[in-house]
Amino acid sequence: MSWGGCKGVAHFRVGDILNLDDICFDEFDIIITSRCLINLTSIQDQLKAIKNIHLALKPNGIYLMMENFIEPLQNLNNARSRYNLEPIEIRWHNLYINQEQFLDQISNLFSVVKIDNFASTYYLISRTLNAILNLKDNKVDYNSTLNELAAKLPSLGDFSPEKLIVLKKYNYYRLISIVSLHRRHSNFMGFIIIRSLTLLGRANEQKVY
């Protein structure tokens, strides 16, 4: 199989997102996850994975986070309840992410560039109207004409559990960590320096955009 222009450029490796032994710091321009974090077994592991992603990204690196979130699933189930449809349950092997809490927890690592609810309209129509039309048959046709039309409509609202969040790496986090380590026995001065670096870093980020 020929890779054409990608030969010698694209490399594939199998690894563990919770273990960076084979990954260099500041190695990648862009990192993408697709339904990866939701298959970790705890919030602590999800946060550890995010910190590893941050370490592996180059300065100003971009993290494309395609994961599933709790809030839009709740919105979708609220809509389903109006039509007496059963709620959609999270599968046993998935751990959906609380978006608001999660973004707050990683706010010292990344700035949010964009949140794209690209499949919101499709999920609302396919999981409500399409489900209602198939109630008699007790079987949902996900290849129905209605679903095909829904997929072509502009995205509205927040009804798709799966969404894309684009994050940009803050460059000053590692410097803050180093300062914090060296100031372990001088907490007050360390706090002043860290706070100053944080404000300076975010001011610089605002200048970029």
N, C-alpha and C. Protein backbone atom coordinates (compact mmCIF):
# COMPACT_ATOMS: atom_id res chain seq x y z
N MET A 1 0.85 -1.19 0.00
CA MET A 1 0.00 0.00 0.00
C MET A 1 0.88 1.24 0.00
N SER A 2 0.62 2.15 -0.94
CA SER A 2 1.44 3.35 -1.07
C SER A 2 0.81 4.51 -0.30
N TRP A 3 1.67 5.25 0.43
CA TRP A 3 1.20 6.40 1.21
C TRP A 3 1.41 7.71 0.47
N GLY A 4 1.95 7.64 -0.77
CA GLY A 4 2.13 8.85 -1.56
C GLY A 4 2.97 9.89 -0.84
N GLY A 5 2.41 11.12 -0.73
CA GLY A 5 3.13 12.23 -0.11
C GLY A 5 3.35 12.08 1.38
N CYS A 6 2.67 11.11 2.02
CA CYS A 6 2.82 10.91 3.46
C CYS A 6 3.97 9.97 3.81
N LYS A 7 4.58 9.35 2.80
CA LYS A 7 5.64 8.39 3.06
C LYS A 7 6.82 9.08 3.75
N GLY A 8 7.24 8.52 4.86
CA GLY A 8 8.35 9.10 5.61
C GLY A 8 7.95 10.26 6.51
N VAL A 9 6.68 10.66 6.43
CA VAL A 9 6.19 11.78 7.24
C VAL A 9 5.24 11.30 8.33
N ALA A 10 4.31 10.42 7.95
CA ALA A 10 3.33 9.90 8.91
C ALA A 10 3.89 8.67 9.59
N HIS A 11 3.80 8.64 10.91
CA HIS A 11 4.27 7.51 11.70
C HIS A 11 3.15 7.07 12.64
N PHE A 12 2.98 5.77 12.78
CA PHE A 12 1.93 5.23 13.63
C PHE A 12 2.56 4.49 14.81
N ARG A 13 2.10 4.81 15.99
CA ARG A 13 2.58 4.16 17.20
C ARG A 13 1.40 3.78 18.08
N VAL A 14 1.53 2.69 18.79
CA VAL A 14 0.52 2.26 19.76
C VAL A 14 1.04 2.60 21.14
N GLY A 15 0.22 3.28 21.94
CA GLY A 15 0.67 3.68 23.26
C GLY A 15 -0.47 3.79 24.24
N ASP A 16 -0.14 4.20 25.43
CA ASP A 16 -1.09 4.36 26.53
C ASP A 16 -1.17 5.83 26.90
N ILE A 17 -2.36 6.42 26.79
CA ILE A 17 -2.51 7.85 27.05
C ILE A 17 -2.20 8.20 28.50
N LEU A 18 -2.19 7.20 29.37
CA LEU A 18 -1.88 7.44 30.78
C LEU A 18 -0.39 7.24 31.08
N ASN A 19 0.38 6.87 30.05
CA ASN A 19 1.81 6.62 30.23
C ASN A 19 2.58 7.22 29.07
N LEU A 20 3.40 8.22 29.36
CA LEU A 20 4.13 8.94 28.31
C LEU A 20 5.59 8.49 28.18
N ASP A 21 5.90 7.28 28.55
CA ASP A 21 7.29 6.82 28.53
C ASP A 21 7.92 6.92 27.14
N ASP A 22 7.10 6.69 26.09
CA ASP A 22 7.64 6.69 24.73
C ASP A 22 7.38 8.00 23.99
N ILE A 23 6.88 9.01 24.70
CA ILE A 23 6.55 10.29 24.07
C ILE A 23 7.43 11.39 24.65
N CYS A 24 7.95 12.23 23.76
CA CYS A 24 8.76 13.36 24.20
C CYS A 24 7.87 14.55 24.55
N PHE A 25 8.31 15.36 25.51
CA PHE A 25 7.60 16.59 25.81
C PHE A 25 7.68 17.53 24.62
N ASP A 26 6.63 18.34 24.44
CA ASP A 26 6.60 19.35 23.37
C ASP A 26 6.86 18.73 22.00
N GLU A 27 6.24 17.58 21.72
CA GLU A 27 6.55 16.85 20.48
C GLU A 27 5.56 17.13 19.35
N PHE A 28 4.28 17.38 19.67
CA PHE A 28 3.26 17.41 18.63
C PHE A 28 2.65 18.80 18.46
N ASP A 29 2.32 19.13 17.21
CA ASP A 29 1.61 20.38 16.90
C ASP A 29 0.13 20.26 17.23
N ILE A 30 -0.45 19.10 16.93
CA ILE A 30 -1.87 18.86 17.13
C ILE A 30 -2.05 17.45 17.70
N ILE A 31 -2.94 17.33 18.67
CA ILE A 31 -3.33 16.03 19.20
C ILE A 31 -4.85 15.92 19.11
N ILE A 32 -5.32 14.77 18.65
CA ILE A 32 -6.75 14.54 18.49
C ILE A 32 -7.15 13.31 19.30
N THR A 33 -8.23 13.43 20.06
CA THR A 33 -8.84 12.24 20.67
C THR A 33 -10.28 12.14 20.19
N SER A 34 -10.73 10.93 19.92
CA SER A 34 -12.11 10.69 19.51
C SER A 34 -12.67 9.57 20.36
N ARG A 35 -13.56 9.93 21.29
CA ARG A 35 -14.17 8.96 22.20
C ARG A 35 -13.10 8.14 22.91
N CYS A 36 -12.07 8.83 23.33
CA CYS A 36 -10.95 8.19 24.03
C CYS A 36 -11.07 8.39 25.54
N LEU A 37 -11.20 9.64 25.96
CA LEU A 37 -11.27 9.93 27.40
C LEU A 37 -12.47 9.28 28.06
N ILE A 38 -13.57 9.15 27.32
CA ILE A 38 -14.79 8.60 27.92
C ILE A 38 -14.66 7.10 28.20
N ASN A 39 -13.62 6.47 27.67
CA ASN A 39 -13.40 5.06 27.93
C ASN A 39 -12.39 4.81 29.04
N LEU A 40 -11.94 5.89 29.69
CA LEU A 40 -11.14 5.75 30.89
C LEU A 40 -12.08 5.55 32.07
N THR A 41 -11.59 4.92 33.12
CA THR A 41 -12.50 4.43 34.16
C THR A 41 -12.75 5.40 35.31
N SER A 42 -12.06 6.55 35.33
CA SER A 42 -12.27 7.50 36.43
C SER A 42 -12.00 8.92 35.96
N ILE A 43 -12.56 9.88 36.69
CA ILE A 43 -12.30 11.29 36.38
C ILE A 43 -10.82 11.59 36.58
N GLN A 44 -10.21 10.97 37.58
CA GLN A 44 -8.78 11.18 37.84
C GLN A 44 -7.94 10.75 36.64
N ASP A 45 -8.29 9.61 36.03
CA ASP A 45 -7.56 9.16 34.84
C ASP A 45 -7.79 10.10 33.66
N GLN A 46 -9.01 10.62 33.54
CA GLN A 46 -9.29 11.57 32.45
C GLN A 46 -8.42 12.83 32.60
N LEU A 47 -8.29 13.33 33.83
CA LEU A 47 -7.48 14.52 34.07
C LEU A 47 -5.99 14.22 33.87
N LYS A 48 -5.57 13.02 34.25
CA LYS A 48 -4.17 12.63 34.02
C LYS A 48 -3.88 12.58 32.53
N ALA A 49 -4.82 12.05 31.74
CA ALA A 49 -4.65 11.99 30.29
C ALA A 49 -4.54 13.39 29.70
N ILE A 50 -5.36 14.32 30.18
CA ILE A 50 -5.32 15.69 29.69
C ILE A 50 -3.97 16.33 29.99
N LYS A 51 -3.44 16.10 31.19
CA LYS A 51 -2.13 16.66 31.55
C LYS A 51 -1.04 16.07 30.66
N ASN A 52 -1.15 14.79 30.33
CA ASN A 52 -0.18 14.17 29.43
C ASN A 52 -0.27 14.75 28.02
N ILE A 53 -1.49 15.01 27.57
CA ILE A 53 -1.68 15.64 26.26
C ILE A 53 -1.04 17.02 26.25
N HIS A 54 -1.24 17.76 27.33
CA HIS A 54 -0.66 19.10 27.45
C HIS A 54 0.86 19.02 27.38
N LEU A 55 1.47 18.08 28.07
CA LEU A 55 2.93 17.94 28.07
C LEU A 55 3.46 17.55 26.69
N ALA A 56 2.70 16.74 25.97
CA ALA A 56 3.16 16.25 24.67
C ALA A 56 3.02 17.29 23.56
N LEU A 57 2.17 18.31 23.76
CA LEU A 57 1.98 19.34 22.74
C LEU A 57 3.13 20.35 22.74
N LYS A 58 3.44 20.85 21.57
CA LYS A 58 4.40 21.94 21.45
C LYS A 58 3.79 23.24 21.99
N PRO A 59 4.60 24.26 22.26
CA PRO A 59 4.04 25.56 22.63
C PRO A 59 3.02 26.03 21.59
N ASN A 60 1.89 26.52 22.06
CA ASN A 60 0.76 26.94 21.22
C ASN A 60 0.11 25.77 20.49
N GLY A 61 0.40 24.55 20.94
CA GLY A 61 -0.19 23.37 20.30
C GLY A 61 -1.70 23.32 20.48
N ILE A 62 -2.35 22.59 19.57
CA ILE A 62 -3.81 22.50 19.55
C ILE A 62 -4.26 21.09 19.90
N TYR A 63 -5.23 21.01 20.79
CA TYR A 63 -5.84 19.73 21.16
C TYR A 63 -7.27 19.72 20.65
N LEU A 64 -7.59 18.79 19.75
CA LEU A 64 -8.93 18.62 19.21
C LEU A 64 -9.60 17.49 20.00
N MET A 65 -10.52 17.88 20.84
CA MET A 65 -11.13 16.96 21.79
C MET A 65 -12.53 16.56 21.33
N MET A 66 -12.64 15.36 20.75
CA MET A 66 -13.92 14.85 20.28
C MET A 66 -14.40 13.80 21.29
N GLU A 67 -15.20 14.26 22.26
CA GLU A 67 -15.62 13.38 23.34
C GLU A 67 -17.12 13.56 23.62
N ASN A 68 -17.62 12.77 24.54
CA ASN A 68 -19.04 12.83 24.89
C ASN A 68 -19.24 13.49 26.25
N PHE A 69 -20.31 14.29 26.35
CA PHE A 69 -20.53 15.12 27.52
C PHE A 69 -21.91 14.88 28.13
N ILE A 70 -21.99 15.11 29.43
CA ILE A 70 -23.21 14.81 30.18
C ILE A 70 -24.34 15.80 29.87
N GLU A 71 -24.01 17.10 29.83
CA GLU A 71 -25.06 18.13 29.73
C GLU A 71 -25.94 17.98 28.48
N PRO A 72 -25.36 17.82 27.28
CA PRO A 72 -26.24 17.67 26.11
C PRO A 72 -27.08 16.39 26.14
N LEU A 73 -26.55 15.33 26.76
CA LEU A 73 -27.36 14.12 26.89
C LEU A 73 -28.57 14.39 27.79
N GLN A 74 -28.38 15.18 28.85
CA GLN A 74 -29.50 15.55 29.71
C GLN A 74 -30.51 16.38 28.93
N ASN A 75 -30.03 17.31 28.10
CA ASN A 75 -30.93 18.12 27.26
C ASN A 75 -31.73 17.23 26.32
N LEU A 76 -31.05 16.26 25.73
CA LEU A 76 -31.70 15.35 24.79
C LEU A 76 -32.76 14.50 25.50
N ASN A 77 -32.43 14.00 26.67
CA ASN A 77 -33.40 13.19 27.42
C ASN A 77 -34.59 14.01 27.91
N ASN A 78 -34.35 15.28 28.22
CA ASN A 78 -35.46 16.16 28.59
C ASN A 78 -36.43 16.32 27.41
N ALA A 79 -35.87 16.45 26.20
CA ALA A 79 -36.71 16.55 25.00
C ALA A 79 -37.46 15.24 24.76
N ARG A 80 -36.80 14.12 24.95
CA ARG A 80 -37.45 12.81 24.76
C ARG A 80 -38.59 12.59 25.76
N SER A 81 -38.41 13.10 26.96
CA SER A 81 -39.43 12.90 27.99
C SER A 81 -40.75 13.57 27.62
N ARG A 82 -40.70 14.64 26.84
CA ARG A 82 -41.92 15.32 26.42
C ARG A 82 -42.77 14.45 25.50
N TYR A 83 -42.14 13.47 24.87
CA TYR A 83 -42.86 12.56 23.97
C TYR A 83 -42.97 11.16 24.59
N ASN A 84 -42.76 11.09 25.91
CA ASN A 84 -42.86 9.83 26.64
C ASN A 84 -41.89 8.76 26.13
N LEU A 85 -40.74 9.21 25.68
CA LEU A 85 -39.68 8.30 25.26
C LEU A 85 -38.75 8.01 26.43
N GLU A 86 -38.25 6.79 26.48
CA GLU A 86 -37.34 6.41 27.55
C GLU A 86 -36.03 7.20 27.44
N PRO A 87 -35.41 7.53 28.57
CA PRO A 87 -34.11 8.23 28.50
C PRO A 87 -33.02 7.35 27.90
N ILE A 88 -32.10 7.97 27.21
CA ILE A 88 -30.93 7.26 26.68
C ILE A 88 -29.91 7.14 27.79
N GLU A 89 -29.54 5.92 28.12
CA GLU A 89 -28.61 5.68 29.21
C GLU A 89 -27.16 5.68 28.69
N ILE A 90 -26.25 6.09 29.56
CA ILE A 90 -24.82 6.00 29.25
C ILE A 90 -24.41 4.53 29.39
N ARG A 91 -23.70 4.01 28.42
CA ARG A 91 -23.30 2.60 28.47
C ARG A 91 -22.30 2.37 29.59
N TRP A 92 -22.32 1.17 30.10
CA TRP A 92 -21.57 0.83 31.31
C TRP A 92 -20.08 1.11 31.19
N HIS A 93 -19.55 1.00 29.98
CA HIS A 93 -18.10 1.15 29.80
C HIS A 93 -17.69 2.59 29.48
N ASN A 94 -18.64 3.51 29.46
CA ASN A 94 -18.34 4.92 29.16
C ASN A 94 -18.46 5.79 30.40
N LEU A 95 -17.62 6.80 30.47
CA LEU A 95 -17.67 7.79 31.54
C LEU A 95 -17.76 9.16 30.86
N TYR A 96 -19.01 9.64 30.66
CA TYR A 96 -19.20 10.93 30.01
C TYR A 96 -18.65 12.05 30.89
N ILE A 97 -18.31 13.15 30.24
CA ILE A 97 -17.61 14.25 30.90
C ILE A 97 -18.58 15.38 31.24
N ASN A 98 -18.46 15.91 32.44
CA ASN A 98 -19.19 17.12 32.82
C ASN A 98 -18.44 18.31 32.22
N GLN A 99 -19.00 18.91 31.19
CA GLN A 99 -18.27 19.92 30.41
C GLN A 99 -17.86 21.12 31.25
N GLU A 100 -18.79 21.68 32.00
CA GLU A 100 -18.49 22.88 32.77
C GLU A 100 -17.41 22.62 33.81
N GLN A 101 -17.55 21.53 34.53
CA GLN A 101 -16.57 21.19 35.56
C GLN A 101 -15.21 20.88 34.94
N PHE A 102 -15.23 20.15 33.84
CA PHE A 102 -14.00 19.74 33.17
C PHE A 102 -13.21 20.95 32.66
N LEU A 103 -13.88 21.88 31.99
CA LEU A 103 -13.19 23.05 31.45
C LEU A 103 -12.62 23.92 32.57
N ASP A 104 -13.31 23.95 33.70
CA ASP A 104 -12.78 24.68 34.85
C ASP A 104 -11.52 24.00 35.39
N GLN A 105 -11.51 22.67 35.41
CA GLN A 105 -10.38 21.94 35.96
C GLN A 105 -9.13 22.04 35.08
N ILE A 106 -9.30 22.26 33.79
CA ILE A 106 -8.13 22.35 32.90
C ILE A 106 -7.84 23.79 32.47
N SER A 107 -8.45 24.76 33.14
CA SER A 107 -8.31 26.15 32.74
C SER A 107 -6.88 26.68 32.89
N ASN A 108 -6.05 26.01 33.70
CA ASN A 108 -4.66 26.43 33.82
C ASN A 108 -3.76 25.76 32.80
N LEU A 109 -4.33 24.86 31.99
CA LEU A 109 -3.57 24.16 30.96
C LEU A 109 -3.88 24.66 29.55
N PHE A 110 -5.17 24.96 29.30
CA PHE A 110 -5.62 25.27 27.95
C PHE A 110 -6.58 26.46 27.95
N SER A 111 -6.57 27.18 26.83
CA SER A 111 -7.63 28.15 26.56
C SER A 111 -8.59 27.52 25.55
N VAL A 112 -9.87 27.86 25.64
CA VAL A 112 -10.88 27.30 24.75
C VAL A 112 -10.95 28.16 23.48
N VAL A 113 -10.65 27.55 22.37
CA VAL A 113 -10.69 28.25 21.08
C VAL A 113 -12.09 28.19 20.47
N LYS A 114 -12.72 27.00 20.57
CA LYS A 114 -14.02 26.82 19.93
C LYS A 114 -14.72 25.61 20.53
N ILE A 115 -16.04 25.70 20.65
CA ILE A 115 -16.87 24.55 21.01
C ILE A 115 -17.87 24.35 19.87
N ASP A 116 -17.79 23.19 19.22
CA ASP A 116 -18.60 22.93 18.03
C ASP A 116 -19.60 21.80 18.31
N ASN A 117 -20.86 22.17 18.43
CA ASN A 117 -21.94 21.19 18.61
C ASN A 117 -22.44 20.73 17.24
N PHE A 118 -21.55 20.17 16.44
CA PHE A 118 -21.80 19.92 15.03
C PHE A 118 -22.97 18.97 14.75
N ALA A 119 -23.30 18.09 15.69
CA ALA A 119 -24.34 17.08 15.44
C ALA A 119 -25.61 17.33 16.25
N SER A 120 -25.78 18.52 16.80
CA SER A 120 -26.88 18.78 17.72
C SER A 120 -28.24 18.59 17.07
N THR A 121 -28.48 19.19 15.92
CA THR A 121 -29.77 19.08 15.24
C THR A 121 -30.05 17.64 14.85
N TYR A 122 -29.03 16.97 14.35
CA TYR A 122 -29.19 15.57 13.95
C TYR A 122 -29.62 14.71 15.13
N TYR A 123 -28.97 14.88 16.27
CA TYR A 123 -29.32 14.08 17.45
C TYR A 123 -30.74 14.38 17.92
N LEU A 124 -31.12 15.66 17.92
CA LEU A 124 -32.46 16.02 18.38
C LEU A 124 -33.53 15.36 17.52
N ILE A 125 -33.37 15.43 16.20
CA ILE A 125 -34.38 14.87 15.30
C ILE A 125 -34.32 13.34 15.28
N SER A 126 -33.13 12.78 15.20
CA SER A 126 -33.01 11.32 15.07
C SER A 126 -33.41 10.60 16.36
N ARG A 127 -33.20 11.25 17.50
CA ARG A 127 -33.52 10.59 18.78
C ARG A 127 -34.88 10.97 19.34
N THR A 128 -35.61 11.86 18.63
CA THR A 128 -36.97 12.19 19.08
C THR A 128 -37.98 11.89 17.96
N LEU A 129 -38.01 12.73 16.92
CA LEU A 129 -39.01 12.56 15.86
C LEU A 129 -38.87 11.21 15.17
N ASN A 130 -37.65 10.84 14.84
CA ASN A 130 -37.45 9.55 14.16
C ASN A 130 -37.83 8.39 15.07
N ALA A 131 -37.54 8.54 16.36
CA ALA A 131 -37.91 7.49 17.32
C ALA A 131 -39.43 7.37 17.44
N ILE A 132 -40.13 8.50 17.43
CA ILE A 132 -41.59 8.49 17.54
C ILE A 132 -42.22 7.79 16.34
N LEU A 133 -41.70 8.08 15.15
CA LEU A 133 -42.24 7.48 13.93
C LEU A 133 -42.05 5.97 13.89
N ASN A 134 -41.08 5.48 14.66
CA ASN A 134 -40.80 4.04 14.65
C ASN A 134 -41.32 3.32 15.88
N LEU A 135 -42.14 4.00 16.69
CA LEU A 135 -42.64 3.40 17.92
C LEU A 135 -43.46 2.13 17.66
N LYS A 136 -44.28 2.14 16.62
CA LYS A 136 -45.14 0.99 16.34
C LYS A 136 -44.32 -0.26 16.02
N ASP A 137 -43.23 -0.04 15.28
CA ASP A 137 -42.39 -1.18 14.89
C ASP A 137 -41.42 -1.58 16.00
N ASN A 138 -41.32 -0.72 17.02
CA ASN A 138 -40.41 -0.98 18.15
C ASN A 138 -38.96 -1.18 17.67
N LYS A 139 -38.63 -0.52 16.57
CA LYS A 139 -37.27 -0.60 16.03
C LYS A 139 -36.96 0.70 15.31
N VAL A 140 -35.86 1.35 15.69
CA VAL A 140 -35.50 2.65 15.11
C VAL A 140 -34.65 2.44 13.86
N ASP A 141 -35.06 3.10 12.78
CA ASP A 141 -34.31 3.04 11.52
C ASP A 141 -33.40 4.25 11.44
N TYR A 142 -32.10 4.04 11.74
CA TYR A 142 -31.17 5.17 11.72
C TYR A 142 -30.74 5.57 10.32
N ASN A 143 -31.13 4.77 9.33
CA ASN A 143 -30.84 5.11 7.93
C ASN A 143 -32.07 5.69 7.23
N SER A 144 -33.01 6.17 8.00
CA SER A 144 -34.25 6.70 7.44
C SER A 144 -34.00 8.00 6.67
N THR A 145 -34.96 8.33 5.81
CA THR A 145 -34.87 9.58 5.04
C THR A 145 -34.85 10.79 5.98
N LEU A 146 -35.63 10.70 7.06
CA LEU A 146 -35.68 11.80 8.02
C LEU A 146 -34.29 12.05 8.63
N ASN A 147 -33.60 10.99 8.98
CA ASN A 147 -32.26 11.15 9.54
C ASN A 147 -31.28 11.72 8.52
N GLU A 148 -31.42 11.30 7.28
CA GLU A 148 -30.56 11.83 6.22
C GLU A 148 -30.77 13.33 6.06
N LEU A 149 -32.01 13.76 6.11
CA LEU A 149 -32.32 15.19 6.02
C LEU A 149 -31.81 15.94 7.25
N ALA A 150 -31.95 15.35 8.42
CA ALA A 150 -31.50 15.98 9.66
C ALA A 150 -30.00 16.21 9.64
N ALA A 151 -29.27 15.29 9.05
CA ALA A 151 -27.81 15.40 8.99
C ALA A 151 -27.36 16.57 8.13
N LYS A 152 -28.23 17.06 7.25
CA LYS A 152 -27.87 18.16 6.35
C LYS A 152 -28.28 19.53 6.90
N LEU A 153 -29.01 19.55 8.00
CA LEU A 153 -29.48 20.81 8.56
C LEU A 153 -28.39 21.48 9.40
N PRO A 154 -28.43 22.82 9.51
CA PRO A 154 -27.47 23.51 10.38
C PRO A 154 -27.63 23.05 11.83
N SER A 155 -26.53 23.07 12.55
CA SER A 155 -26.56 22.62 13.94
C SER A 155 -27.12 23.71 14.84
N LEU A 156 -28.14 23.34 15.64
CA LEU A 156 -28.77 24.28 16.57
C LEU A 156 -28.88 23.63 17.95
N GLY A 157 -28.71 24.44 18.98
CA GLY A 157 -28.89 23.95 20.34
C GLY A 157 -27.71 23.13 20.84
N ASP A 158 -27.97 22.38 21.92
CA ASP A 158 -26.93 21.56 22.56
C ASP A 158 -27.55 20.23 22.93
N PHE A 159 -27.74 19.37 21.91
CA PHE A 159 -28.42 18.09 22.11
C PHE A 159 -27.57 16.88 21.74
N SER A 160 -26.38 17.10 21.23
CA SER A 160 -25.53 15.97 20.85
C SER A 160 -24.51 15.69 21.94
N PRO A 161 -24.53 14.50 22.53
CA PRO A 161 -23.53 14.18 23.55
C PRO A 161 -22.11 14.30 23.02
N GLU A 162 -21.93 13.98 21.75
CA GLU A 162 -20.60 14.06 21.15
C GLU A 162 -20.40 15.44 20.52
N LYS A 163 -19.34 16.11 20.92
CA LYS A 163 -19.04 17.43 20.35
C LYS A 163 -17.54 17.62 20.25
N LEU A 164 -17.14 18.63 19.51
CA LEU A 164 -15.72 18.95 19.35
C LEU A 164 -15.38 20.21 20.14
N ILE A 165 -14.37 20.09 21.01
CA ILE A 165 -13.85 21.26 21.72
C ILE A 165 -12.41 21.46 21.29
N VAL A 166 -12.12 22.65 20.78
CA VAL A 166 -10.76 22.98 20.33
C VAL A 166 -10.06 23.74 21.45
N LEU A 167 -8.94 23.21 21.89
CA LEU A 167 -8.20 23.80 23.01
C LEU A 167 -6.79 24.17 22.56
N LYS A 168 -6.29 25.28 23.12
CA LYS A 168 -4.93 25.74 22.81
C LYS A 168 -4.09 25.71 24.08
N LYS A 169 -2.90 25.15 23.96
CA LYS A 169 -2.02 24.99 25.11
C LYS A 169 -1.52 26.33 25.61
N TYR A 170 -1.65 26.55 26.93
CA TYR A 170 -0.99 27.68 27.56
C TYR A 170 0.50 27.37 27.65
N ASN A 171 1.34 28.33 27.30
CA ASN A 171 2.78 28.09 27.27
C ASN A 171 3.44 28.25 28.63
N TYR A 172 2.78 28.91 29.54
CA TYR A 172 3.44 29.28 30.79
C TYR A 172 3.24 28.27 31.91
N TYR A 173 2.47 27.20 31.66
CA TYR A 173 2.14 26.28 32.75
C TYR A 173 3.37 25.59 33.33
N ARG A 174 4.29 25.12 32.45
CA ARG A 174 5.46 24.40 32.94
C ARG A 174 6.37 25.33 33.73
N LEU A 175 6.46 26.59 33.30
CA LEU A 175 7.26 27.56 34.04
C LEU A 175 6.67 27.79 35.43
N ILE A 176 5.35 27.88 35.49
CA ILE A 176 4.68 28.04 36.79
C ILE A 176 5.00 26.85 37.70
N SER A 177 4.97 25.63 37.13
CA SER A 177 5.26 24.44 37.92
C SER A 177 6.66 24.46 38.48
N ILE A 178 7.62 24.91 37.66
CA ILE A 178 9.02 24.97 38.09
C ILE A 178 9.18 25.99 39.21
N VAL A 179 8.56 27.16 39.03
CA VAL A 179 8.63 28.20 40.06
C VAL A 179 8.02 27.70 41.36
N SER A 180 6.87 27.01 41.24
CA SER A 180 6.19 26.50 42.43
C SER A 180 7.08 25.50 43.17
N LEU A 181 7.81 24.67 42.41
CA LEU A 181 8.68 23.68 43.02
C LEU A 181 9.82 24.34 43.77
N HIS A 182 10.45 25.33 43.17
CA HIS A 182 11.58 25.99 43.80
C HIS A 182 11.18 26.87 44.97
N ARG A 183 9.91 27.26 45.02
CA ARG A 183 9.44 28.14 46.09
C ARG A 183 8.70 27.36 47.17
N ARG A 184 8.93 26.06 47.24
CA ARG A 184 8.21 25.22 48.18
C ARG A 184 8.34 25.72 49.62
N HIS A 185 9.51 26.29 49.96
CA HIS A 185 9.74 26.75 51.33
C HIS A 185 9.50 28.25 51.48
N SER A 186 8.94 28.84 50.44
CA SER A 186 8.62 30.26 50.52
C SER A 186 7.28 30.48 49.82
N ASN A 187 6.23 29.98 50.45
CA ASN A 187 4.92 29.91 49.81
C ASN A 187 4.38 31.27 49.39
N PHE A 188 4.58 32.26 50.21
CA PHE A 188 4.01 33.57 49.91
C PHE A 188 4.65 34.16 48.65
N MET A 189 5.99 34.16 48.60
CA MET A 189 6.66 34.69 47.42
C MET A 189 6.33 33.86 46.18
N GLY A 190 6.24 32.53 46.36
CA GLY A 190 5.89 31.67 45.23
C GLY A 190 4.52 32.01 44.68
N PHE A 191 3.57 32.27 45.56
CA PHE A 191 2.21 32.62 45.13
C PHE A 191 2.22 33.90 44.31
N ILE A 192 2.99 34.90 44.76
CA ILE A 192 3.06 36.18 44.04
C ILE A 192 3.61 35.97 42.64
N ILE A 193 4.69 35.20 42.51
CA ILE A 193 5.31 34.98 41.21
C ILE A 193 4.38 34.19 40.30
N ILE A 194 3.76 33.14 40.84
CA ILE A 194 2.85 32.32 40.04
C ILE A 194 1.66 33.14 39.56
N ARG A 195 1.11 33.94 40.45
CA ARG A 195 -0.03 34.78 40.09
C ARG A 195 0.35 35.76 38.99
N SER A 196 1.53 36.34 39.09
CA SER A 196 1.99 37.29 38.08
C SER A 196 2.17 36.61 36.73
N LEU A 197 2.74 35.41 36.73
CA LEU A 197 2.94 34.68 35.49
C LEU A 197 1.61 34.30 34.86
N THR A 198 0.65 33.93 35.69
CA THR A 198 -0.67 33.57 35.18
C THR A 198 -1.33 34.74 34.47
N LEU A 199 -1.30 35.89 35.11
CA LEU A 199 -1.91 37.08 34.52
C LEU A 199 -1.18 37.49 33.25
N LEU A 200 0.15 37.40 33.27
CA LEU A 200 0.95 37.75 32.09
C LEU A 200 0.67 36.80 30.95
N GLY A 201 0.60 35.51 31.26
CA GLY A 201 0.35 34.52 30.22
C GLY A 201 -0.98 34.72 29.56
N ARG A 202 -2.02 34.98 30.35
CA ARG A 202 -3.35 35.15 29.76
C ARG A 202 -3.45 36.47 29.00
N ALA A 203 -2.72 37.47 29.41
CA ALA A 203 -2.71 38.72 28.67
C ALA A 203 -2.09 38.51 27.29
N ASN A 204 -1.02 37.72 27.25
CA ASN A 204 -0.38 37.41 25.97
C ASN A 204 -1.27 36.59 25.06
N GLU A 205 -2.01 35.67 25.66
CA GLU A 205 -2.95 34.88 24.87
C GLU A 205 -4.01 35.76 24.23
N GLN A 206 -4.48 36.76 24.97
CA GLN A 206 -5.50 37.65 24.43
C GLN A 206 -4.94 38.49 23.28
N LYS A 207 -3.66 38.82 23.34
CA LYS A 207 -3.05 39.60 22.27
C LYS A 207 -3.01 38.79 20.97
N VAL A 208 -2.80 37.45 21.09
CA VAL A 208 -2.73 36.61 19.90
C VAL A 208 -4.05 36.60 19.16
N TYR A 209 -5.15 36.62 19.95
CA TYR A 209 -6.47 36.58 19.31
C TYR A 209 -7.15 37.93 19.37
